[in-house]
Amino acid sequence: MTDYIVLLLGDTEAWWDTPEEEKKATYDVHGRFTEELEKRGHTIIGGAELPRASEAKSLAPYSDTVTDGPWAETTEQLGGYYEIRTDDLADLMQVCTILSATGDAVEVHRKITGEEGAS
């Protein structure tokens, strides 16, 4: 089995001003996503919704100065993530199409584990 991080990238500032009915519809999509993962044999091992990107603290490369907000100045910021354990990346990507229907970009990264990350 391999562990993956599913990153959810979107307009995190706009999300917090979204009407509750629309937020509920998005949470329902996430519910369908998690149900489909389980149905297909993928295992959720972690994840979280993140607060506004403006609440982040950043350090520039080679800097000791902390600044407010995200490092990258883009409209799309990291809004949340899932950690998924699976042996079928192609199927995981198929299930992730459920999340892309929310208007967020979805990016999947394999986690480096064990000795692979040792230096």
C-alpha atoms as a PDB file:
ATOM      1  CA  MET A   1       0.000   0.000   0.000  1.00  0.00           C
ATOM      2  CA  THR A   2       1.129   3.531  -0.713  1.00  0.00           C
ATOM      3  CA  ASP A   3       0.163   6.721   1.102  1.00  0.00           C
ATOM      4  CA  TYR A   4      -0.969   9.774  -0.850  1.00  0.00           C
ATOM      5  CA  ILE A   5      -1.861  13.329   0.072  1.00  0.00           C
ATOM      6  CA  VAL A   6      -4.882  14.752  -1.761  1.00  0.00           C
ATOM      7  CA  LEU A   7      -4.570  18.550  -1.701  1.00  0.00           C
ATOM      8  CA  LEU A   8      -7.626  20.755  -2.161  1.00  0.00           C
ATOM      9  CA  LEU A   9      -6.759  24.101  -3.723  1.00  0.00           C
ATOM     10  CA  GLY A  10      -9.247  26.915  -4.106  1.00  0.00           C
ATOM     11  CA  ASP A  11     -10.237  30.408  -3.059  1.00  0.00           C
ATOM     12  CA  THR A  12     -10.095  29.931   0.714  1.00  0.00           C
ATOM     13  CA  GLU A  13     -11.053  33.547   1.455  1.00  0.00           C
ATOM     14  CA  ALA A  14     -14.247  33.318  -0.629  1.00  0.00           C
ATOM     15  CA  TRP A  15     -15.149  30.006   1.037  1.00  0.00           C
ATOM     16  CA  TRP A  16     -15.677  31.652   4.403  1.00  0.00           C
ATOM     17  CA  ASP A  17     -18.201  34.076   2.885  1.00  0.00           C
ATOM     18  CA  THR A  18     -20.111  31.335   1.076  1.00  0.00           C
ATOM     19  CA  PRO A  19     -23.777  30.978   2.125  1.00  0.00           C
ATOM     20  CA  GLU A  20     -24.412  28.084   4.516  1.00  0.00           C
ATOM     21  CA  GLU A  21     -26.599  26.225   1.985  1.00  0.00           C
ATOM     22  CA  GLU A  22     -23.750  26.188  -0.542  1.00  0.00           C
ATOM     23  CA  LYS A  23     -21.268  25.083   2.133  1.00  0.00           C
ATOM     24  CA  LYS A  24     -23.583  22.219   3.078  1.00  0.00           C
ATOM     25  CA  ALA A  25     -23.751  21.129  -0.562  1.00  0.00           C
ATOM     26  CA  THR A  26     -19.935  21.088  -0.689  1.00  0.00           C
ATOM     27  CA  TYR A  27     -19.708  19.110   2.553  1.00  0.00           C
ATOM     28  CA  ASP A  28     -22.196  16.642   1.037  1.00  0.00           C
ATOM     29  CA  VAL A  29     -19.806  16.179  -1.906  1.00  0.00           C
ATOM     30  CA  HIS A  30     -17.007  15.420   0.564  1.00  0.00           C
ATOM     31  CA  GLY A  31     -19.293  12.887   2.232  1.00  0.00           C
ATOM     32  CA  ARG A  32     -19.858  11.171  -1.128  1.00  0.00           C
ATOM     33  CA  PHE A  33     -16.091  11.240  -1.739  1.00  0.00           C
ATOM     34  CA  THR A  34     -15.300   9.510   1.565  1.00  0.00           C
ATOM     35  CA  GLU A  35     -18.083   6.956   1.059  1.00  0.00           C
ATOM     36  CA  GLU A  36     -16.773   6.122  -2.415  1.00  0.00           C
ATOM     37  CA  LEU A  37     -13.214   5.778  -1.116  1.00  0.00           C
ATOM     38  CA  GLU A  38     -14.341   3.260   1.489  1.00  0.00           C
ATOM     39  CA  LYS A  39     -16.529   1.409  -1.013  1.00  0.00           C
ATOM     40  CA  ARG A  40     -13.555   1.006  -3.371  1.00  0.00           C
ATOM     41  CA  GLY A  41     -11.137  -0.157  -0.682  1.00  0.00           C
ATOM     42  CA  HIS A  42      -9.113   3.025  -0.153  1.00  0.00           C
ATOM     43  CA  THR A  43      -8.345   3.998   3.451  1.00  0.00           C
ATOM     44  CA  ILE A  44      -8.472   7.549   4.793  1.00  0.00           C
ATOM     45  CA  ILE A  45      -5.642   7.876   7.325  1.00  0.00           C
ATOM     46  CA  GLY A  46      -5.899  11.609   7.976  1.00  0.00           C
ATOM     47  CA  GLY A  47      -6.901  14.979   6.716  1.00  0.00           C
ATOM     48  CA  ALA A  48      -8.263  18.355   7.738  1.00  0.00           C
ATOM     49  CA  GLU A  49     -10.067  21.442   6.571  1.00  0.00           C
ATOM     50  CA  LEU A  50      -7.835  24.480   7.012  1.00  0.00           C
ATOM     51  CA  PRO A  51      -8.828  28.000   8.088  1.00  0.00           C
ATOM     52  CA  ARG A  52      -8.527  31.074   5.875  1.00  0.00           C
ATOM     53  CA  ALA A  53      -5.200  31.303   4.063  1.00  0.00           C
ATOM     54  CA  SER A  54      -4.831  34.791   5.515  1.00  0.00           C
ATOM     55  CA  GLU A  55      -4.432  33.169   8.942  1.00  0.00           C
ATOM     56  CA  ALA A  56      -1.270  31.375   7.806  1.00  0.00           C
ATOM     57  CA  LYS A  57       2.202  32.466   8.884  1.00  0.00           C
ATOM     58  CA  SER A  58       5.083  32.248   6.412  1.00  0.00           C
ATOM     59  CA  LEU A  59       8.845  32.317   6.284  1.00  0.00           C
ATOM     60  CA  ALA A  60      10.592  33.262   3.057  1.00  0.00           C
ATOM     61  CA  PRO A  61      13.494  31.042   1.999  1.00  0.00           C
ATOM     62  CA  TYR A  62      16.615  31.740   4.073  1.00  0.00           C
ATOM     63  CA  SER A  63      14.667  34.164   6.270  1.00  0.00           C
ATOM     64  CA  ASP A  64      13.931  34.383   9.965  1.00  0.00           C
ATOM     65  CA  THR A  65      11.191  36.987   9.483  1.00  0.00           C
ATOM     66  CA  VAL A  66       7.653  35.673   9.955  1.00  0.00           C
ATOM     67  CA  THR A  67       4.983  37.310   7.792  1.00  0.00           C
ATOM     68  CA  ASP A  68       1.202  37.036   7.855  1.00  0.00           C
ATOM     69  CA  GLY A  69      -0.634  35.110   5.172  1.00  0.00           C
ATOM     70  CA  PRO A  70       0.335  32.369   2.756  1.00  0.00           C
ATOM     71  CA  TRP A  71       3.700  32.268   1.030  1.00  0.00           C
ATOM     72  CA  ALA A  72       2.316  32.127  -2.510  1.00  0.00           C
ATOM     73  CA  GLU A  73       0.272  35.129  -3.590  1.00  0.00           C
ATOM     74  CA  THR A  74      -2.338  33.407  -5.712  1.00  0.00           C
ATOM     75  CA  THR A  75      -6.114  33.175  -5.679  1.00  0.00           C
ATOM     76  CA  GLU A  76      -5.937  29.417  -5.093  1.00  0.00           C
ATOM     77  CA  GLN A  77      -4.607  28.388  -1.706  1.00  0.00           C
ATOM     78  CA  LEU A  78      -4.509  25.134   0.214  1.00  0.00           C
ATOM     79  CA  GLY A  79      -7.928  24.744   1.797  1.00  0.00           C
ATOM     80  CA  GLY A  80      -7.647  21.212   3.092  1.00  0.00           C
ATOM     81  CA  TYR A  81      -6.243  17.778   2.487  1.00  0.00           C
ATOM     82  CA  TYR A  82      -6.872  14.064   2.823  1.00  0.00           C
ATOM     83  CA  GLU A  83      -4.289  11.373   3.524  1.00  0.00           C
ATOM     84  CA  ILE A  84      -5.228   8.217   1.645  1.00  0.00           C
ATOM     85  CA  ARG A  85      -3.665   4.753   1.736  1.00  0.00           C
ATOM     86  CA  THR A  86      -4.253   2.711  -1.398  1.00  0.00           C
ATOM     87  CA  ASP A  87      -2.687   0.325  -3.869  1.00  0.00           C
ATOM     88  CA  ASP A  88      -4.649   1.763  -6.820  1.00  0.00           C
ATOM     89  CA  LEU A  89      -3.638   5.319  -7.738  1.00  0.00           C
ATOM     90  CA  ALA A  90      -5.644   5.263 -10.965  1.00  0.00           C
ATOM     91  CA  ASP A  91      -8.829   4.464  -9.069  1.00  0.00           C
ATOM     92  CA  LEU A  92      -8.022   7.065  -6.402  1.00  0.00           C
ATOM     93  CA  MET A  93      -7.734   9.676  -9.168  1.00  0.00           C
ATOM     94  CA  GLN A  94     -11.108   8.554 -10.529  1.00  0.00           C
ATOM     95  CA  VAL A  95     -12.698   9.030  -7.097  1.00  0.00           C
ATOM     96  CA  CYS A  96     -11.029  12.461  -6.823  1.00  0.00           C
ATOM     97  CA  THR A  97     -13.135  13.643  -9.764  1.00  0.00           C
ATOM     98  CA  ILE A  98     -15.958  13.844  -7.211  1.00  0.00           C
ATOM     99  CA  LEU A  99     -14.033  16.599  -5.419  1.00  0.00           C
ATOM    100  CA  SER A 100     -13.165  18.518  -8.561  1.00  0.00           C
ATOM    101  CA  ALA A 101     -16.914  19.059  -9.021  1.00  0.00           C
ATOM    102  CA  THR A 102     -16.772  21.512  -6.080  1.00  0.00           C
ATOM    103  CA  GLY A 103     -14.722  23.946  -8.182  1.00  0.00           C
ATOM    104  CA  ASP A 104     -11.505  23.281  -6.262  1.00  0.00           C
ATOM    105  CA  ALA A 105      -8.377  21.991  -7.943  1.00  0.00           C
ATOM    106  CA  VAL A 106      -7.273  18.595  -6.666  1.00  0.00           C
ATOM    107  CA  GLU A 107      -3.601  17.658  -6.532  1.00  0.00           C
ATOM    108  CA  VAL A 108      -2.381  14.216  -5.444  1.00  0.00           C
ATOM    109  CA  HIS A 109       1.131  13.543  -4.161  1.00  0.00           C
ATOM    110  CA  ARG A 110       2.708  10.271  -3.107  1.00  0.00           C
ATOM    111  CA  LYS A 111       4.123  10.520   0.406  1.00  0.00           C
ATOM    112  CA  ILE A 112       7.780   9.693   0.864  1.00  0.00           C
ATOM    113  CA  THR A 113       8.026   7.227   3.719  1.00  0.00           C
ATOM    114  CA  GLY A 114      10.608   5.133   5.489  1.00  0.00           C
ATOM    115  CA  GLU A 115      14.144   4.911   4.183  1.00  0.00           C
ATOM    116  CA  GLU A 116      13.210   6.558   0.895  1.00  0.00           C
ATOM    117  CA  GLY A 117      13.262   9.908   2.706  1.00  0.00           C
ATOM    118  CA  ALA A 118      16.328   9.199   4.829  1.00  0.00           C
ATOM    119  CA  SER A 119      19.518  10.996   3.933  1.00  0.00           C
END
